[in-house]
Amino acid sequence: MFEGKLVRLRSLRFEDAEHHLRWRNDPEVVRWATAGDPCFGPVTAEALGLGFETMLRLNPRESAVFTVEDLVGGSVIGMADYRDLDPYVGVATLGVTIGEREFWGRGHGSDALRLLVDHLFGAYGLSRLELDTWSGNERAVRAFTRLGFREEGRRRSAVLLDGKRYDSVLFGMLREEWANPA
């Protein structure tokens, strides 16, 4: 569907559920993706199946989930999504998770996010994109900043992980700040 330097984003397929189940039951993936949010995982195959059916039927004018594939080997390595797309205001919220640990810190998540930003600014003509993470996920903070997202706010001590408090950090990017035309 969309090809970058390291990854391809393609439409979600039913068979991708097995990967989502594995990632959402991997404590390290849950930790880094959501600061251990129990709504993300662990999850049963039955519960994931119900949610997955909904994801397969999402209206792309509002939200979508893509599968992230490694370009070299073609393996499924993660997911990228957008949600809360408001065409009137011109805003959407993004997310990316690389679930396969061997691809962490190698630029695959940044490449997937770059493709998603290109798509949303291009296809939907949005004026603003936003995403968030927790302050302990320094790898995500660096990746978002390198791509041109700006920190716009913090909800102090809003995240509790392993008995320690972290901030929830909001990032945003305006269309005119997007400096990556290809």
N, C-alpha and C. Protein backbone atom coordinates (compact mmCIF):
# COMPACT_ATOMS: atom_id res chain seq x y z
N MET A 1 0.82 -1.19 0.00
CA MET A 1 0.00 0.00 0.00
C MET A 1 0.87 1.26 0.00
N PHE A 2 1.69 1.45 1.06
CA PHE A 2 2.63 2.58 1.12
C PHE A 2 4.00 2.00 1.43
N GLU A 3 5.01 2.38 0.68
CA GLU A 3 6.34 1.85 0.89
C GLU A 3 7.31 2.95 1.27
N GLY A 4 8.09 2.68 2.31
CA GLY A 4 9.11 3.62 2.74
C GLY A 4 10.49 3.04 2.48
N LYS A 5 11.46 3.48 3.28
CA LYS A 5 12.83 2.99 3.14
C LYS A 5 13.04 1.65 3.83
N LEU A 6 12.31 1.44 4.93
CA LEU A 6 12.48 0.21 5.71
C LEU A 6 11.23 -0.64 5.80
N VAL A 7 10.07 -0.01 5.68
CA VAL A 7 8.81 -0.73 5.90
C VAL A 7 7.78 -0.44 4.81
N ARG A 8 6.77 -1.28 4.84
CA ARG A 8 5.59 -1.11 4.00
C ARG A 8 4.40 -1.09 4.95
N LEU A 9 3.47 -0.17 4.71
CA LEU A 9 2.19 -0.18 5.42
C LEU A 9 1.17 -0.77 4.47
N ARG A 10 0.43 -1.75 4.95
CA ARG A 10 -0.62 -2.34 4.12
C ARG A 10 -1.89 -2.47 4.96
N SER A 11 -2.97 -2.74 4.27
CA SER A 11 -4.26 -2.93 4.95
C SER A 11 -4.18 -4.11 5.91
N LEU A 12 -4.92 -3.99 6.97
CA LEU A 12 -5.03 -5.05 7.96
C LEU A 12 -5.76 -6.25 7.36
N ARG A 13 -5.31 -7.46 7.69
CA ARG A 13 -5.94 -8.70 7.25
C ARG A 13 -6.28 -9.54 8.47
N PHE A 14 -7.25 -10.42 8.32
CA PHE A 14 -7.66 -11.26 9.44
C PHE A 14 -6.50 -12.06 10.03
N GLU A 15 -5.61 -12.55 9.16
CA GLU A 15 -4.49 -13.37 9.65
C GLU A 15 -3.48 -12.58 10.47
N ASP A 16 -3.57 -11.25 10.46
CA ASP A 16 -2.68 -10.42 11.29
C ASP A 16 -3.03 -10.53 12.78
N ALA A 17 -4.20 -11.06 13.07
CA ALA A 17 -4.64 -11.17 14.47
C ALA A 17 -3.64 -11.95 15.32
N GLU A 18 -3.02 -12.99 14.76
CA GLU A 18 -2.08 -13.80 15.53
C GLU A 18 -0.89 -12.96 16.01
N HIS A 19 -0.45 -12.02 15.19
CA HIS A 19 0.65 -11.14 15.59
C HIS A 19 0.20 -10.19 16.69
N HIS A 20 -0.97 -9.60 16.54
CA HIS A 20 -1.51 -8.69 17.55
C HIS A 20 -1.66 -9.41 18.89
N LEU A 21 -2.14 -10.64 18.85
CA LEU A 21 -2.30 -11.42 20.08
C LEU A 21 -0.94 -11.62 20.76
N ARG A 22 0.07 -11.97 19.99
CA ARG A 22 1.41 -12.19 20.56
C ARG A 22 1.95 -10.89 21.17
N TRP A 23 1.84 -9.79 20.42
CA TRP A 23 2.37 -8.52 20.92
C TRP A 23 1.64 -8.04 22.17
N ARG A 24 0.33 -8.17 22.17
CA ARG A 24 -0.44 -7.68 23.31
C ARG A 24 -0.29 -8.54 24.55
N ASN A 25 0.32 -9.71 24.38
CA ASN A 25 0.61 -10.57 25.52
C ASN A 25 2.10 -10.61 25.84
N ASP A 26 2.87 -9.77 25.21
CA ASP A 26 4.30 -9.64 25.49
C ASP A 26 4.47 -8.47 26.46
N PRO A 27 4.86 -8.72 27.70
CA PRO A 27 4.95 -7.65 28.70
C PRO A 27 5.85 -6.48 28.27
N GLU A 28 6.91 -6.75 27.53
CA GLU A 28 7.80 -5.67 27.10
C GLU A 28 7.14 -4.80 26.03
N VAL A 29 6.40 -5.40 25.12
CA VAL A 29 5.68 -4.62 24.12
C VAL A 29 4.63 -3.76 24.80
N VAL A 30 3.88 -4.36 25.72
CA VAL A 30 2.84 -3.61 26.45
C VAL A 30 3.48 -2.46 27.23
N ARG A 31 4.62 -2.72 27.86
CA ARG A 31 5.31 -1.68 28.64
C ARG A 31 5.67 -0.48 27.76
N TRP A 32 6.35 -0.72 26.64
CA TRP A 32 6.84 0.39 25.83
C TRP A 32 5.73 1.03 25.01
N ALA A 33 4.78 0.25 24.53
CA ALA A 33 3.71 0.81 23.70
C ALA A 33 2.72 1.63 24.50
N THR A 34 2.41 1.18 25.72
CA THR A 34 1.32 1.82 26.46
C THR A 34 1.62 2.05 27.93
N ALA A 35 2.88 1.96 28.32
CA ALA A 35 3.26 2.11 29.73
C ALA A 35 2.53 1.10 30.61
N GLY A 36 2.33 -0.10 30.05
CA GLY A 36 1.72 -1.17 30.83
C GLY A 36 0.22 -1.07 30.97
N ASP A 37 -0.45 -0.29 30.14
CA ASP A 37 -1.90 -0.12 30.21
C ASP A 37 -2.60 -1.48 30.09
N PRO A 38 -3.35 -1.89 31.12
CA PRO A 38 -4.01 -3.20 31.07
C PRO A 38 -5.10 -3.28 29.99
N CYS A 39 -5.53 -2.16 29.44
CA CYS A 39 -6.51 -2.20 28.34
C CYS A 39 -5.86 -2.71 27.06
N PHE A 40 -4.53 -2.57 26.95
CA PHE A 40 -3.81 -3.04 25.77
C PHE A 40 -3.49 -4.53 25.89
N GLY A 41 -3.08 -4.95 27.05
CA GLY A 41 -2.75 -6.35 27.24
C GLY A 41 -2.40 -6.62 28.69
N PRO A 42 -2.40 -7.87 29.06
CA PRO A 42 -2.65 -9.06 28.26
C PRO A 42 -4.12 -9.19 27.87
N VAL A 43 -4.34 -9.99 26.82
CA VAL A 43 -5.67 -10.15 26.26
C VAL A 43 -5.84 -11.60 25.79
N THR A 44 -7.07 -12.11 25.88
CA THR A 44 -7.35 -13.46 25.40
C THR A 44 -7.56 -13.43 23.89
N ALA A 45 -7.42 -14.59 23.28
CA ALA A 45 -7.64 -14.70 21.83
C ALA A 45 -9.09 -14.35 21.49
N GLU A 46 -10.02 -14.72 22.36
CA GLU A 46 -11.44 -14.44 22.11
C GLU A 46 -11.71 -12.93 22.15
N ALA A 47 -11.17 -12.26 23.16
CA ALA A 47 -11.37 -10.81 23.28
C ALA A 47 -10.71 -10.08 22.12
N LEU A 48 -9.50 -10.50 21.77
CA LEU A 48 -8.82 -9.87 20.65
C LEU A 48 -9.61 -10.09 19.36
N GLY A 49 -10.15 -11.29 19.17
CA GLY A 49 -10.93 -11.60 17.98
C GLY A 49 -12.11 -10.67 17.81
N LEU A 50 -12.80 -10.37 18.90
CA LEU A 50 -13.95 -9.44 18.82
C LEU A 50 -13.49 -8.05 18.41
N GLY A 51 -12.43 -7.57 19.01
CA GLY A 51 -11.91 -6.25 18.68
C GLY A 51 -11.34 -6.21 17.27
N PHE A 52 -10.76 -7.32 16.85
CA PHE A 52 -10.14 -7.38 15.53
C PHE A 52 -11.18 -7.29 14.43
N GLU A 53 -12.32 -7.93 14.63
CA GLU A 53 -13.41 -7.84 13.66
C GLU A 53 -13.83 -6.39 13.47
N THR A 54 -13.87 -5.65 14.55
CA THR A 54 -14.21 -4.22 14.46
C THR A 54 -13.13 -3.46 13.70
N MET A 55 -11.86 -3.75 13.98
CA MET A 55 -10.76 -3.07 13.29
C MET A 55 -10.81 -3.32 11.78
N LEU A 56 -11.20 -4.51 11.39
CA LEU A 56 -11.27 -4.84 9.96
C LEU A 56 -12.39 -4.08 9.25
N ARG A 57 -13.36 -3.58 10.01
CA ARG A 57 -14.49 -2.86 9.42
C ARG A 57 -14.44 -1.35 9.63
N LEU A 58 -13.31 -0.83 10.08
CA LEU A 58 -13.22 0.61 10.33
C LEU A 58 -13.43 1.40 9.04
N ASN A 59 -14.06 2.55 9.18
CA ASN A 59 -14.26 3.46 8.06
C ASN A 59 -13.01 4.33 7.95
N PRO A 60 -12.24 4.23 6.85
CA PRO A 60 -10.98 4.98 6.74
C PRO A 60 -11.16 6.50 6.75
N ARG A 61 -12.38 6.96 6.64
CA ARG A 61 -12.63 8.41 6.76
C ARG A 61 -12.61 8.85 8.22
N GLU A 62 -12.56 7.86 9.12
CA GLU A 62 -12.55 8.16 10.55
C GLU A 62 -11.33 7.58 11.26
N SER A 63 -10.97 6.33 10.88
CA SER A 63 -9.85 5.65 11.54
C SER A 63 -9.45 4.43 10.72
N ALA A 64 -8.22 3.98 10.95
CA ALA A 64 -7.73 2.79 10.26
C ALA A 64 -6.54 2.22 11.01
N VAL A 65 -6.35 0.92 10.88
CA VAL A 65 -5.18 0.24 11.42
C VAL A 65 -4.47 -0.41 10.24
N PHE A 66 -3.17 -0.18 10.15
CA PHE A 66 -2.34 -0.75 9.10
C PHE A 66 -1.39 -1.77 9.71
N THR A 67 -0.99 -2.72 8.89
CA THR A 67 0.05 -3.66 9.28
C THR A 67 1.38 -3.12 8.77
N VAL A 68 2.40 -3.18 9.62
CA VAL A 68 3.74 -2.75 9.26
C VAL A 68 4.55 -3.99 8.91
N GLU A 69 5.08 -4.02 7.68
CA GLU A 69 5.91 -5.12 7.23
C GLU A 69 7.33 -4.63 6.98
N ASP A 70 8.30 -5.46 7.32
CA ASP A 70 9.70 -5.18 7.01
C ASP A 70 9.90 -5.35 5.51
N LEU A 71 10.51 -4.36 4.86
CA LEU A 71 10.70 -4.43 3.41
C LEU A 71 11.67 -5.54 3.00
N VAL A 72 12.69 -5.77 3.80
CA VAL A 72 13.71 -6.74 3.42
C VAL A 72 13.16 -8.17 3.43
N GLY A 73 12.57 -8.57 4.54
CA GLY A 73 12.10 -9.95 4.64
C GLY A 73 10.61 -10.12 4.43
N GLY A 74 9.87 -9.04 4.43
CA GLY A 74 8.42 -9.11 4.24
C GLY A 74 7.66 -9.55 5.47
N SER A 75 8.34 -9.70 6.61
CA SER A 75 7.65 -10.18 7.81
C SER A 75 6.83 -9.06 8.45
N VAL A 76 5.77 -9.46 9.12
CA VAL A 76 4.91 -8.54 9.86
C VAL A 76 5.64 -8.18 11.15
N ILE A 77 5.85 -6.87 11.37
CA ILE A 77 6.64 -6.46 12.54
C ILE A 77 5.90 -5.48 13.45
N GLY A 78 4.75 -4.96 13.02
CA GLY A 78 4.05 -4.01 13.87
C GLY A 78 2.76 -3.52 13.27
N MET A 79 2.26 -2.45 13.87
CA MET A 79 1.00 -1.84 13.45
C MET A 79 1.12 -0.32 13.56
N ALA A 80 0.36 0.35 12.72
CA ALA A 80 0.27 1.81 12.76
C ALA A 80 -1.19 2.15 12.58
N ASP A 81 -1.64 3.21 13.22
CA ASP A 81 -3.05 3.54 13.12
C ASP A 81 -3.27 5.04 13.18
N TYR A 82 -4.46 5.44 12.76
CA TYR A 82 -4.95 6.78 13.02
C TYR A 82 -6.39 6.64 13.48
N ARG A 83 -6.83 7.61 14.26
CA ARG A 83 -8.17 7.58 14.82
C ARG A 83 -8.64 9.00 15.06
N ASP A 84 -9.90 9.14 15.37
CA ASP A 84 -10.48 10.45 15.68
C ASP A 84 -10.22 11.45 14.55
N LEU A 85 -10.24 10.98 13.31
CA LEU A 85 -10.03 11.88 12.18
C LEU A 85 -11.25 12.79 12.06
N ASP A 86 -11.02 14.07 12.15
CA ASP A 86 -12.08 15.06 12.05
C ASP A 86 -11.81 15.90 10.81
N PRO A 87 -12.52 15.63 9.70
CA PRO A 87 -12.25 16.36 8.46
C PRO A 87 -12.63 17.84 8.53
N TYR A 88 -13.56 18.18 9.40
CA TYR A 88 -13.97 19.58 9.53
C TYR A 88 -12.86 20.41 10.17
N VAL A 89 -12.35 19.93 11.28
CA VAL A 89 -11.28 20.62 11.99
C VAL A 89 -9.94 20.34 11.34
N GLY A 90 -9.81 19.15 10.69
CA GLY A 90 -8.57 18.78 10.02
C GLY A 90 -7.53 18.18 10.94
N VAL A 91 -7.99 17.33 11.88
CA VAL A 91 -7.11 16.77 12.91
C VAL A 91 -7.28 15.25 12.97
N ALA A 92 -6.20 14.55 13.28
CA ALA A 92 -6.25 13.12 13.56
C ALA A 92 -5.18 12.77 14.59
N THR A 93 -5.40 11.66 15.28
CA THR A 93 -4.46 11.13 16.27
C THR A 93 -3.81 9.88 15.69
N LEU A 94 -2.49 9.75 15.85
CA LEU A 94 -1.72 8.65 15.28
C LEU A 94 -1.15 7.75 16.36
N GLY A 95 -0.74 6.57 15.92
CA GLY A 95 -0.03 5.66 16.81
C GLY A 95 0.77 4.67 15.99
N VAL A 96 1.85 4.19 16.55
CA VAL A 96 2.65 3.16 15.90
C VAL A 96 3.25 2.27 16.99
N THR A 97 3.24 0.97 16.73
CA THR A 97 3.85 0.00 17.64
C THR A 97 4.62 -1.00 16.81
N ILE A 98 5.89 -1.15 17.10
CA ILE A 98 6.68 -2.22 16.50
C ILE A 98 6.69 -3.34 17.54
N GLY A 99 6.02 -4.42 17.21
CA GLY A 99 5.84 -5.51 18.17
C GLY A 99 6.98 -6.53 18.19
N GLU A 100 7.75 -6.59 17.11
CA GLU A 100 8.85 -7.54 17.04
C GLU A 100 10.11 -6.88 17.60
N ARG A 101 10.57 -7.37 18.72
CA ARG A 101 11.66 -6.74 19.46
C ARG A 101 12.95 -6.57 18.66
N GLU A 102 13.25 -7.50 17.76
CA GLU A 102 14.51 -7.40 17.00
C GLU A 102 14.51 -6.19 16.06
N PHE A 103 13.37 -5.56 15.87
CA PHE A 103 13.29 -4.37 15.01
C PHE A 103 13.25 -3.07 15.82
N TRP A 104 13.31 -3.17 17.13
CA TRP A 104 13.30 -1.97 17.98
C TRP A 104 14.59 -1.19 17.80
N GLY A 105 14.47 0.13 17.76
CA GLY A 105 15.63 1.02 17.72
C GLY A 105 16.37 1.02 16.39
N ARG A 106 15.75 0.53 15.34
CA ARG A 106 16.41 0.44 14.04
C ARG A 106 15.78 1.35 12.99
N GLY A 107 14.80 2.16 13.39
CA GLY A 107 14.20 3.12 12.47
C GLY A 107 12.92 2.67 11.80
N HIS A 108 12.48 1.44 12.06
CA HIS A 108 11.28 0.93 11.40
C HIS A 108 10.02 1.67 11.86
N GLY A 109 9.94 1.96 13.16
CA GLY A 109 8.79 2.71 13.67
C GLY A 109 8.74 4.12 13.12
N SER A 110 9.89 4.77 13.03
CA SER A 110 9.95 6.12 12.46
C SER A 110 9.54 6.12 11.00
N ASP A 111 9.99 5.11 10.26
CA ASP A 111 9.63 5.02 8.84
C ASP A 111 8.12 4.81 8.69
N ALA A 112 7.54 3.94 9.52
CA ALA A 112 6.09 3.71 9.48
C ALA A 112 5.33 4.98 9.81
N LEU A 113 5.78 5.70 10.82
CA LEU A 113 5.11 6.94 11.20
C LEU A 113 5.22 7.99 10.10
N ARG A 114 6.38 8.07 9.47
CA ARG A 114 6.59 9.01 8.36
C ARG A 114 5.61 8.72 7.21
N LEU A 115 5.43 7.45 6.88
CA LEU A 115 4.48 7.06 5.83
C LEU A 115 3.06 7.44 6.20
N LEU A 116 2.70 7.24 7.45
CA LEU A 116 1.36 7.57 7.91
C LEU A 116 1.11 9.07 7.88
N VAL A 117 2.10 9.85 8.29
CA VAL A 117 1.99 11.31 8.24
C VAL A 117 1.83 11.78 6.80
N ASP A 118 2.65 11.25 5.90
CA ASP A 118 2.53 11.59 4.47
C ASP A 118 1.12 11.30 3.96
N HIS A 119 0.62 10.13 4.29
CA HIS A 119 -0.70 9.72 3.83
C HIS A 119 -1.79 10.67 4.35
N LEU A 120 -1.75 10.98 5.62
CA LEU A 120 -2.82 11.79 6.21
C LEU A 120 -2.76 13.25 5.76
N PHE A 121 -1.56 13.81 5.67
CA PHE A 121 -1.47 15.18 5.16
C PHE A 121 -1.81 15.22 3.67
N GLY A 122 -1.46 14.14 2.94
CA GLY A 122 -1.71 14.11 1.50
C GLY A 122 -3.14 13.78 1.14
N ALA A 123 -3.61 12.61 1.55
CA ALA A 123 -4.93 12.12 1.14
C ALA A 123 -6.08 12.88 1.78
N TYR A 124 -5.91 13.31 3.01
CA TYR A 124 -7.01 13.94 3.72
C TYR A 124 -6.86 15.45 3.88
N GLY A 125 -5.71 15.97 3.49
CA GLY A 125 -5.51 17.41 3.59
C GLY A 125 -5.66 17.94 5.00
N LEU A 126 -5.27 17.15 5.98
CA LEU A 126 -5.41 17.58 7.37
C LEU A 126 -4.46 18.72 7.68
N SER A 127 -4.80 19.48 8.70
CA SER A 127 -3.94 20.59 9.09
C SER A 127 -3.12 20.28 10.33
N ARG A 128 -3.50 19.23 11.08
CA ARG A 128 -2.80 18.93 12.34
C ARG A 128 -2.86 17.43 12.62
N LEU A 129 -1.73 16.90 13.09
CA LEU A 129 -1.66 15.52 13.56
C LEU A 129 -1.12 15.52 14.97
N GLU A 130 -1.57 14.57 15.76
CA GLU A 130 -1.07 14.50 17.13
C GLU A 130 -0.90 13.06 17.57
N LEU A 131 -0.04 12.87 18.56
CA LEU A 131 0.19 11.57 19.17
C LEU A 131 0.74 11.81 20.56
N ASP A 132 0.79 10.73 21.33
CA ASP A 132 1.34 10.88 22.68
C ASP A 132 2.12 9.64 23.07
N THR A 133 2.87 9.78 24.14
CA THR A 133 3.59 8.67 24.74
C THR A 133 3.79 9.00 26.21
N TRP A 134 4.48 8.17 26.90
CA TRP A 134 4.81 8.44 28.31
C TRP A 134 6.28 8.85 28.38
N SER A 135 6.60 9.69 29.35
CA SER A 135 7.93 10.31 29.42
C SER A 135 9.06 9.29 29.57
N GLY A 136 8.79 8.11 30.06
CA GLY A 136 9.82 7.09 30.20
C GLY A 136 10.18 6.41 28.89
N ASN A 137 9.38 6.61 27.85
CA ASN A 137 9.67 6.01 26.55
C ASN A 137 10.51 7.00 25.73
N GLU A 138 11.76 7.11 26.13
CA GLU A 138 12.67 8.09 25.52
C GLU A 138 12.92 7.81 24.04
N ARG A 139 12.88 6.54 23.65
CA ARG A 139 13.07 6.19 22.24
C ARG A 139 11.94 6.79 21.39
N ALA A 140 10.71 6.70 21.86
CA ALA A 140 9.57 7.29 21.13
C ALA A 140 9.67 8.81 21.11
N VAL A 141 10.03 9.41 22.24
CA VAL A 141 10.16 10.87 22.31
C VAL A 141 11.18 11.35 21.28
N ARG A 142 12.33 10.69 21.20
CA ARG A 142 13.35 11.07 20.22
C ARG A 142 12.85 10.89 18.78
N ALA A 143 12.18 9.78 18.52
CA ALA A 143 11.69 9.50 17.16
C ALA A 143 10.65 10.55 16.74
N PHE A 144 9.73 10.88 17.62
CA PHE A 144 8.70 11.87 17.28
C PHE A 144 9.33 13.23 17.00
N THR A 145 10.29 13.60 17.83
CA THR A 145 10.96 14.89 17.68
C THR A 145 11.77 14.95 16.38
N ARG A 146 12.49 13.86 16.08
CA ARG A 146 13.26 13.81 14.83
C ARG A 146 12.37 13.96 13.60
N LEU A 147 11.16 13.44 13.67
CA LEU A 147 10.23 13.54 12.53
C LEU A 147 9.60 14.92 12.40
N GLY A 148 9.78 15.76 13.41
CA GLY A 148 9.24 17.12 13.32
C GLY A 148 8.06 17.39 14.23
N PHE A 149 7.66 16.39 15.02
CA PHE A 149 6.60 16.64 16.00
C PHE A 149 7.17 17.50 17.12
N ARG A 150 6.33 18.35 17.66
CA ARG A 150 6.74 19.22 18.77
C ARG A 150 5.98 18.85 20.03
N GLU A 151 6.70 18.85 21.13
CA GLU A 151 6.02 18.63 22.40
C GLU A 151 5.09 19.81 22.66
N GLU A 152 3.83 19.50 22.93
CA GLU A 152 2.84 20.56 23.14
C GLU A 152 2.29 20.60 24.56
N GLY A 153 2.52 19.55 25.29
CA GLY A 153 2.01 19.56 26.65
C GLY A 153 2.32 18.28 27.39
N ARG A 154 2.14 18.36 28.69
CA ARG A 154 2.36 17.21 29.58
C ARG A 154 1.24 17.14 30.59
N ARG A 155 0.84 15.93 30.83
CA ARG A 155 -0.04 15.69 31.98
C ARG A 155 0.88 15.06 33.02
N ARG A 156 1.23 15.88 34.00
CA ARG A 156 2.23 15.46 34.98
C ARG A 156 1.74 14.30 35.84
N SER A 157 2.64 13.34 36.05
CA SER A 157 2.38 12.16 36.89
C SER A 157 1.09 11.43 36.50
N ALA A 158 0.77 11.41 35.23
CA ALA A 158 -0.48 10.79 34.76
C ALA A 158 -0.33 9.30 34.46
N VAL A 159 0.92 8.81 34.48
CA VAL A 159 1.17 7.41 34.15
C VAL A 159 1.85 6.75 35.35
N LEU A 160 1.34 5.58 35.73
CA LEU A 160 1.94 4.81 36.82
C LEU A 160 2.43 3.49 36.24
N LEU A 161 3.73 3.25 36.38
CA LEU A 161 4.32 2.02 35.86
C LEU A 161 5.33 1.49 36.87
N ASP A 162 5.13 0.29 37.31
CA ASP A 162 6.03 -0.35 38.27
C ASP A 162 6.26 0.51 39.51
N GLY A 163 5.20 1.13 39.99
CA GLY A 163 5.28 1.95 41.20
C GLY A 163 5.92 3.32 41.02
N LYS A 164 6.25 3.69 39.79
CA LYS A 164 6.88 4.98 39.52
C LYS A 164 5.96 5.81 38.63
N ARG A 165 5.96 7.12 38.88
CA ARG A 165 5.12 8.04 38.11
C ARG A 165 5.88 8.65 36.94
N TYR A 166 5.19 8.78 35.80
CA TYR A 166 5.72 9.40 34.59
C TYR A 166 4.69 10.39 34.06
N ASP A 167 5.16 11.30 33.23
CA ASP A 167 4.24 12.23 32.56
C ASP A 167 3.70 11.59 31.30
N SER A 168 2.50 11.98 30.92
CA SER A 168 1.97 11.69 29.60
C SER A 168 2.35 12.90 28.74
N VAL A 169 2.98 12.65 27.58
CA VAL A 169 3.53 13.73 26.77
C VAL A 169 2.78 13.79 25.44
N LEU A 170 2.21 14.95 25.13
CA LEU A 170 1.47 15.16 23.89
C LEU A 170 2.35 15.86 22.87
N PHE A 171 2.34 15.32 21.65
CA PHE A 171 3.09 15.90 20.54
C PHE A 171 2.12 16.28 19.43
N GLY A 172 2.45 17.34 18.69
CA GLY A 172 1.64 17.75 17.56
C GLY A 172 2.51 18.21 16.40
N MET A 173 1.92 18.16 15.22
CA MET A 173 2.59 18.66 14.02
C MET A 173 1.54 19.32 13.14
N LEU A 174 1.88 20.51 12.65
CA LEU A 174 1.01 21.21 11.71
C LEU A 174 1.46 20.92 10.30
N ARG A 175 0.53 20.99 9.36
CA ARG A 175 0.84 20.71 7.96
C ARG A 175 2.06 21.50 7.48
N GLU A 176 2.13 22.77 7.82
CA GLU A 176 3.24 23.62 7.34
C GLU A 176 4.58 23.25 7.98
N GLU A 177 4.56 22.45 9.04
CA GLU A 177 5.80 22.00 9.68
C GLU A 177 6.32 20.69 9.09
N TRP A 178 5.51 20.04 8.29
CA TRP A 178 5.90 18.75 7.71
C TRP A 178 6.90 19.01 6.60
N ALA A 179 8.15 18.65 6.87
CA ALA A 179 9.25 18.97 5.94
C ALA A 179 9.69 17.76 5.13
N ASN A 180 8.89 16.71 5.12
CA ASN A 180 9.29 15.49 4.43
C ASN A 180 8.33 15.22 3.28
N PRO A 181 8.49 15.90 2.14
CA PRO A 181 7.52 15.77 1.05
C PRO A 181 7.49 14.41 0.38
N ALA A 182 8.50 13.60 0.57
CA ALA A 182 8.47 12.27 -0.08
C ALA A 182 8.46 11.27 0.95
